[in-house]
């Protein structure tokens, strides 16, 4: 792109509690698309426009979230503040190998009404004006059926106007009434996706795909499919070509929270800056390798690696 892209990321941010070894809790904020938005903004720099689209309450935690996002350079004009509502909350418990267990309190979260309130109209109308729209499987789950339909309509209009739609599959079974409901919702939006950032384990859990070949075969119409496989090679199909890009080995994994979110951010940033899929994937692996060595979803700003050649 010749001019800095305007990007809107749609989803949920929650109050995050990180359980320490002594049983105490450290409070911060996190959510898959919010994590990606922060890392994307850091990767693209000051000239980019990265807006976050969500709904919050009118409480002090929501105030603090907005303050933090503003400090990170995210645009807040698409954030609704709903009177009397609250954000969701989750707690991260990490085992000796750095693997995560999540406990959630989110049923009454404000984001569930993000696209169904009277104030949502102007936001939905604005979405097709962006260059890139980004959302995840968790976005689909928390929006509910009516919200998903409004999102789908915005995606269709956005693509008519030349926007790119980016989707991270992030399937969480506990957020859905059934696997059949999740499959139906995913299949509707996947028809409007230009870049799919897929985690192989999630594709297996949701659709039963046994391997990468089945995943790639399932999405013949999506121009760019990126298959994230944890510590294994990332597999990419783009413009009819296939690539495998090895992950970086990390001696000590502290916390894998936001590993996939940060990879997605750096990959998308690399592509928006004109990099090849291989270059973008290497950037994704570098950032993810740093993120998993620090507790919590968002590492300090000075912990961001500099991409090769910059």
Protein backbone atom coordinates (compact mmCIF):
# COMPACT_ATOMS: atom_id res chain seq x y z
CA UNK A 1 0.00 0.00 0.00
CA UNK A 2 1.25 3.46 -0.87
CA UNK A 3 -0.40 5.19 2.09
CA UNK A 4 -0.55 3.85 5.66
CA UNK A 5 -3.38 1.32 5.88
CA UNK A 6 -6.39 1.93 8.08
CA UNK A 7 -7.05 -1.22 10.07
CA UNK A 8 -9.95 -2.10 12.35
CA UNK A 9 -9.70 -5.07 14.71
CA UNK A 10 -12.99 -6.34 16.11
CA UNK A 11 -13.33 -8.29 19.32
CA UNK A 12 -13.17 -8.40 23.09
CA UNK A 13 -10.73 -7.24 25.73
CA UNK A 14 -11.09 -8.66 29.24
CA UNK A 15 -9.70 -8.06 32.69
CA UNK A 16 -6.76 -10.46 32.99
CA UNK A 17 -5.63 -12.03 36.26
CA UNK A 18 -2.25 -13.77 36.13
CA UNK A 19 -1.78 -16.30 38.95
CA UNK A 20 1.74 -16.30 40.39
CA UNK A 21 3.58 -19.21 41.97
CA UNK A 22 2.74 -17.99 45.48
CA UNK A 23 -0.98 -17.84 44.67
CA UNK A 24 -1.19 -14.04 44.37
CA UNK A 25 -2.80 -12.44 41.33
CA UNK A 26 -1.42 -9.76 39.02
CA UNK A 27 -4.10 -7.78 37.17
CA UNK A 28 -3.80 -6.55 33.59
CA UNK A 29 -5.91 -6.65 30.41
CA UNK A 30 -5.97 -8.99 27.43
CA UNK A 31 -7.95 -10.64 24.67
CA UNK A 32 -6.95 -12.23 21.39
CA UNK A 33 -7.82 -9.42 18.98
CA UNK A 34 -6.72 -6.74 21.46
CA UNK A 35 -3.35 -8.46 21.82
CA UNK A 36 -3.03 -8.52 18.04
CA UNK A 37 -4.07 -4.86 17.78
CA UNK A 38 -1.40 -3.75 20.25
CA UNK A 39 1.38 -5.76 18.63
CA UNK A 40 0.26 -4.70 15.15
CA UNK A 41 0.36 -1.04 16.12
CA UNK A 42 3.84 -1.49 17.60
CA UNK A 43 5.06 -3.29 14.48
CA UNK A 44 3.63 -0.77 12.01
CA UNK A 45 4.71 2.35 13.92
CA UNK A 46 3.27 5.80 14.38
CA UNK A 47 2.05 6.33 10.82
CA UNK A 48 -0.42 3.48 10.92
CA UNK A 49 -4.08 3.79 11.89
CA UNK A 50 -5.12 0.85 14.06
CA UNK A 51 -8.60 1.13 15.59
CA UNK A 52 -10.11 -1.29 18.07
CA UNK A 53 -13.81 -2.10 17.79
CA UNK A 54 -15.55 -3.34 20.92
CA UNK A 55 -18.00 -2.48 23.70
CA UNK A 56 -17.11 -1.78 27.33
CA UNK A 57 -18.91 -0.62 30.44
CA UNK A 58 -18.78 2.72 32.24
CA UNK A 59 -16.69 1.34 35.14
CA UNK A 60 -13.15 2.05 36.29
CA UNK A 61 -11.72 -1.08 34.64
CA UNK A 62 -13.15 0.03 31.29
CA UNK A 63 -11.64 3.48 31.88
CA UNK A 64 -8.25 1.91 32.53
CA UNK A 65 -8.50 -0.22 29.40
CA UNK A 66 -9.16 2.83 27.24
CA UNK A 67 -6.28 4.68 28.86
CA UNK A 68 -3.91 1.80 28.16
CA UNK A 69 -5.07 1.46 24.55
CA UNK A 70 -4.64 5.17 23.98
CA UNK A 71 -1.08 4.97 25.33
CA UNK A 72 -0.41 2.16 22.85
CA UNK A 73 -1.63 4.34 20.00
CA UNK A 74 -4.87 2.51 19.27
CA UNK A 75 -7.83 4.49 17.99
CA UNK A 76 -10.83 4.46 20.32
CA UNK A 77 -13.51 6.08 18.16
CA UNK A 78 -15.18 2.68 17.57
CA UNK A 79 -15.30 1.71 21.27
CA UNK A 80 -18.79 1.87 22.75
CA UNK A 81 -19.25 2.56 26.47
CA UNK A 82 -22.49 0.97 27.68
CA UNK A 83 -23.93 2.33 30.95
CA UNK A 84 -24.17 -0.17 33.76
CA UNK A 85 -22.20 -2.87 31.94
CA UNK A 86 -18.81 -4.45 32.69
CA UNK A 87 -16.01 -6.12 30.72
CA UNK A 88 -15.43 -9.85 30.98
CA UNK A 89 -12.74 -11.32 33.24
CA UNK A 90 -10.36 -14.28 32.96
CA UNK A 91 -7.62 -15.85 35.03
CA UNK A 92 -4.49 -17.50 33.59
CA UNK A 93 -2.99 -20.45 35.45
CA UNK A 94 0.34 -21.68 34.04
CA UNK A 95 1.90 -25.09 34.66
CA UNK A 96 5.59 -25.95 34.98
CA UNK A 97 5.93 -26.30 31.19
CA UNK A 98 4.46 -22.85 30.51
CA UNK A 99 1.16 -24.24 29.23
CA UNK A 100 -1.97 -22.26 30.08
CA UNK A 101 -5.30 -22.97 31.71
CA UNK A 102 -7.98 -20.27 31.51
CA UNK A 103 -10.89 -19.59 33.85
CA UNK A 104 -13.53 -17.21 32.44
CA UNK A 105 -16.29 -14.91 33.72
CA UNK A 106 -17.75 -13.31 30.60
CA UNK A 107 -21.46 -14.13 30.16
CA UNK A 108 -22.62 -10.58 30.94
CA UNK A 109 -19.74 -8.78 29.17
CA UNK A 110 -20.70 -5.58 27.35
CA UNK A 111 -19.16 -6.79 24.08
CA UNK A 112 -22.02 -9.25 23.63
CA UNK A 113 -24.18 -6.28 22.60
CA UNK A 114 -21.48 -4.58 20.55
CA UNK A 115 -23.39 -4.66 17.24
CA UNK A 116 -26.97 -4.69 18.53
CA UNK A 117 -27.20 -1.41 20.45
CA UNK A 118 -28.76 1.79 19.00
CA UNK A 119 -25.27 3.34 18.95
CA UNK A 120 -23.82 0.50 16.87
CA UNK A 121 -25.22 1.79 13.56
CA UNK A 122 -22.54 4.38 12.82
CA UNK A 123 -19.80 1.92 13.76
CA UNK A 124 -21.14 -0.77 11.46
CA UNK A 125 -21.45 1.82 8.69
CA UNK A 126 -17.82 2.85 9.21
CA UNK A 127 -16.32 -0.64 9.05
CA UNK A 128 -16.42 -0.90 5.23
CA UNK A 129 -14.35 2.29 4.98
CA UNK A 130 -11.23 0.58 6.39
CA UNK A 131 -8.49 -0.98 4.29
CA UNK A 132 -8.24 -4.06 6.50
CA UNK A 133 -10.78 -5.68 8.83
CA UNK A 134 -9.49 -8.24 11.33
CA UNK A 135 -11.50 -10.51 13.62
CA UNK A 136 -11.32 -13.97 15.17
CA UNK A 137 -13.34 -17.01 16.06
CA UNK A 138 -13.66 -15.63 19.57
CA UNK A 139 -15.16 -12.46 18.05
CA UNK A 140 -17.78 -14.62 16.35
CA UNK A 141 -18.61 -16.41 19.58
CA UNK A 142 -19.02 -13.37 21.81
CA UNK A 143 -21.04 -11.31 19.31
CA UNK A 144 -23.92 -13.76 19.24
CA UNK A 145 -26.11 -14.62 16.25
CA UNK A 146 -27.49 -11.13 15.61
CA UNK A 147 -24.10 -9.48 16.02
CA UNK A 148 -22.49 -12.01 13.68
CA UNK A 149 -25.05 -11.23 10.98
CA UNK A 150 -24.30 -7.51 11.23
CA UNK A 151 -20.58 -8.24 11.04
CA UNK A 152 -21.05 -10.43 7.98
CA UNK A 153 -22.96 -7.68 6.20
CA UNK A 154 -20.14 -5.24 6.94
CA UNK A 155 -17.55 -7.70 5.62
CA UNK A 156 -19.45 -8.12 2.35
CA UNK A 157 -19.69 -4.36 1.86
CA UNK A 158 -16.05 -3.84 2.83
CA UNK A 159 -14.80 -6.31 0.24
CA UNK A 160 -16.96 -4.66 -2.42
CA UNK A 161 -15.05 -1.46 -1.65
CA UNK A 162 -11.69 -3.20 -1.96
CA UNK A 163 -10.90 -3.94 1.69
CA UNK A 164 -9.05 -7.06 2.81
CA UNK A 165 -10.60 -9.29 5.45
CA UNK A 166 -8.28 -11.17 7.83
CA UNK A 167 -9.51 -13.96 10.09
CA UNK A 168 -7.80 -15.84 12.94
CA UNK A 169 -9.72 -19.05 13.67
CA UNK A 170 -9.15 -19.13 17.50
CA UNK A 171 -11.81 -21.75 18.26
CA UNK A 172 -12.86 -22.05 21.92
CA UNK A 173 -15.48 -24.80 22.32
CA UNK A 174 -16.76 -23.51 25.68
CA UNK A 175 -17.98 -20.28 24.02
CA UNK A 176 -20.40 -22.12 21.73
CA UNK A 177 -23.65 -23.97 22.38
CA UNK A 178 -22.45 -26.78 20.11
CA UNK A 179 -19.74 -27.60 17.62
CA UNK A 180 -22.40 -27.54 14.88
CA UNK A 181 -23.31 -23.95 15.73
CA UNK A 182 -19.67 -22.94 15.61
CA UNK A 183 -19.11 -24.65 12.28
CA UNK A 184 -22.11 -22.90 10.74
CA UNK A 185 -20.92 -19.49 11.96
CA UNK A 186 -17.36 -20.04 10.74
CA UNK A 187 -18.45 -21.25 7.32
CA UNK A 188 -20.56 -18.16 6.76
CA UNK A 189 -17.74 -15.72 7.39
CA UNK A 190 -15.00 -17.79 5.72
CA UNK A 191 -16.62 -17.02 2.38
CA UNK A 192 -15.61 -13.38 2.93
CA UNK A 193 -12.00 -13.93 4.08
CA UNK A 194 -8.90 -12.94 2.09
CA UNK A 195 -6.25 -13.99 4.62
CA UNK A 196 -6.85 -16.86 7.05
CA UNK A 197 -4.50 -17.20 10.02
CA UNK A 198 -5.32 -20.69 11.24
CA UNK A 199 -4.08 -22.71 14.20
CA UNK A 200 -3.83 -26.36 13.18
CA UNK A 201 -5.07 -27.69 16.54
CA UNK A 202 -8.17 -25.47 16.33
CA UNK A 203 -8.94 -26.69 12.80
CA UNK A 204 -8.76 -30.26 14.08
CA UNK A 205 -10.96 -29.52 17.09
CA UNK A 206 -13.62 -27.64 15.11
CA UNK A 207 -13.75 -29.40 11.74
CA UNK A 208 -11.87 -32.63 12.39
CA UNK A 209 -9.21 -31.99 9.75
CA UNK A 210 -6.47 -34.55 10.32
CA UNK A 211 -3.51 -32.72 8.81
CA UNK A 212 -2.34 -29.63 6.96
CA UNK A 213 -3.32 -31.03 3.57
CA UNK A 214 -6.93 -31.32 4.64
CA UNK A 215 -6.87 -27.78 6.05
CA UNK A 216 -5.51 -26.28 2.84
CA UNK A 217 -7.95 -28.31 0.74
CA UNK A 218 -10.87 -26.96 2.79
CA UNK A 219 -10.22 -23.34 1.75
CA UNK A 220 -9.55 -23.26 -2.00
CA UNK A 221 -11.05 -19.78 -2.44
CA UNK A 222 -8.99 -18.01 0.25
CA UNK A 223 -6.01 -16.26 -1.34
CA UNK A 224 -3.63 -16.53 1.62
CA UNK A 225 -3.81 -19.30 4.21
CA UNK A 226 -1.30 -19.36 7.08
CA UNK A 227 -1.24 -22.48 9.24
CA UNK A 228 0.24 -21.91 12.71
CA UNK A 229 1.58 -25.07 14.35
CA UNK A 230 3.17 -23.96 17.62
CA UNK A 231 6.85 -24.88 17.77
CA UNK A 232 6.68 -26.61 14.36
CA UNK A 233 7.08 -25.03 10.92
CA UNK A 234 4.47 -22.49 9.88
CA UNK A 235 2.89 -23.55 6.57
CA UNK A 236 1.67 -20.98 4.06
CA UNK A 237 -0.25 -21.11 0.80
CA UNK A 238 -0.31 -17.82 -1.10
CA UNK A 239 -1.07 -17.12 -4.76
CA UNK A 240 -0.85 -20.83 -5.54
CA UNK A 241 2.57 -21.32 -3.92
CA UNK A 242 3.41 -23.19 -0.73
CA UNK A 243 6.00 -22.25 1.89
CA UNK A 244 7.26 -23.74 5.16
CA UNK A 245 8.96 -21.39 7.63
CA UNK A 246 10.56 -22.93 10.75
CA UNK A 247 9.76 -21.55 14.18
CA UNK A 248 12.48 -20.27 16.48
CA UNK A 249 13.51 -22.59 19.29
CA UNK A 250 13.17 -21.18 22.81
CA UNK A 251 15.11 -22.65 25.72
CA UNK A 252 12.65 -21.67 28.46
CA UNK A 253 8.97 -21.13 27.78
CA UNK A 254 7.43 -19.03 30.55
CA UNK A 255 3.90 -18.43 29.24
CA UNK A 256 2.41 -19.19 25.82
CA UNK A 257 -0.38 -16.62 26.23
CA UNK A 258 -0.70 -14.50 23.05
CA UNK A 259 1.87 -16.53 21.12
CA UNK A 260 -0.52 -16.96 18.21
CA UNK A 261 -1.91 -13.43 18.52
CA UNK A 262 1.56 -11.88 18.34
CA UNK A 263 2.56 -14.09 15.41
CA UNK A 264 -0.57 -12.96 13.55
CA UNK A 265 0.22 -9.30 14.27
CA UNK A 266 3.78 -9.49 13.03
CA UNK A 267 2.80 -11.56 10.01
CA UNK A 268 0.08 -9.12 8.98
CA UNK A 269 2.37 -6.14 9.59
CA UNK A 270 5.05 -7.73 7.44
CA UNK A 271 2.65 -8.27 4.58
CA UNK A 272 1.22 -4.75 4.85
CA UNK A 273 4.76 -3.36 4.67
CA UNK A 274 5.38 -5.25 1.43
CA UNK A 275 7.23 -8.28 2.75
CA UNK A 276 6.94 -11.74 1.25
CA UNK A 277 5.02 -14.47 3.09
CA UNK A 278 8.33 -16.01 4.19
CA UNK A 279 9.62 -12.70 5.53
CA UNK A 280 6.34 -12.05 7.32
CA UNK A 281 6.36 -15.50 8.90
CA UNK A 282 9.92 -15.03 10.14
CA UNK A 283 8.83 -11.77 11.76
CA UNK A 284 5.89 -13.60 13.30
CA UNK A 285 8.12 -16.31 14.74
CA UNK A 286 10.58 -13.75 16.14
CA UNK A 287 7.89 -11.82 17.96
CA UNK A 288 6.13 -14.93 19.26
CA UNK A 289 9.44 -16.30 20.56
CA UNK A 290 9.87 -13.17 22.69
CA UNK A 291 6.29 -13.14 23.91
CA UNK A 292 6.40 -16.69 25.29
CA UNK A 293 9.38 -15.81 27.47
CA UNK A 294 7.39 -13.21 29.45
CA UNK A 295 4.32 -13.75 31.69
CA UNK A 296 1.00 -12.42 30.43
CA UNK A 297 -0.32 -11.43 27.04
CA UNK A 298 1.50 -8.14 26.38
CA UNK A 299 5.23 -7.81 26.87
CA UNK A 300 6.83 -4.41 27.62
CA UNK A 301 7.25 -2.14 24.61
CA UNK A 302 11.04 -2.36 24.79
CA UNK A 303 10.72 -6.12 24.46
CA UNK A 304 9.65 -5.95 20.81
CA UNK A 305 12.28 -7.39 18.44
CA UNK A 306 13.35 -5.32 15.44
CA UNK A 307 12.59 -6.95 12.11
CA UNK A 308 15.51 -7.81 9.87
CA UNK A 309 16.48 -4.97 7.57
CA UNK A 310 14.84 -2.28 9.68
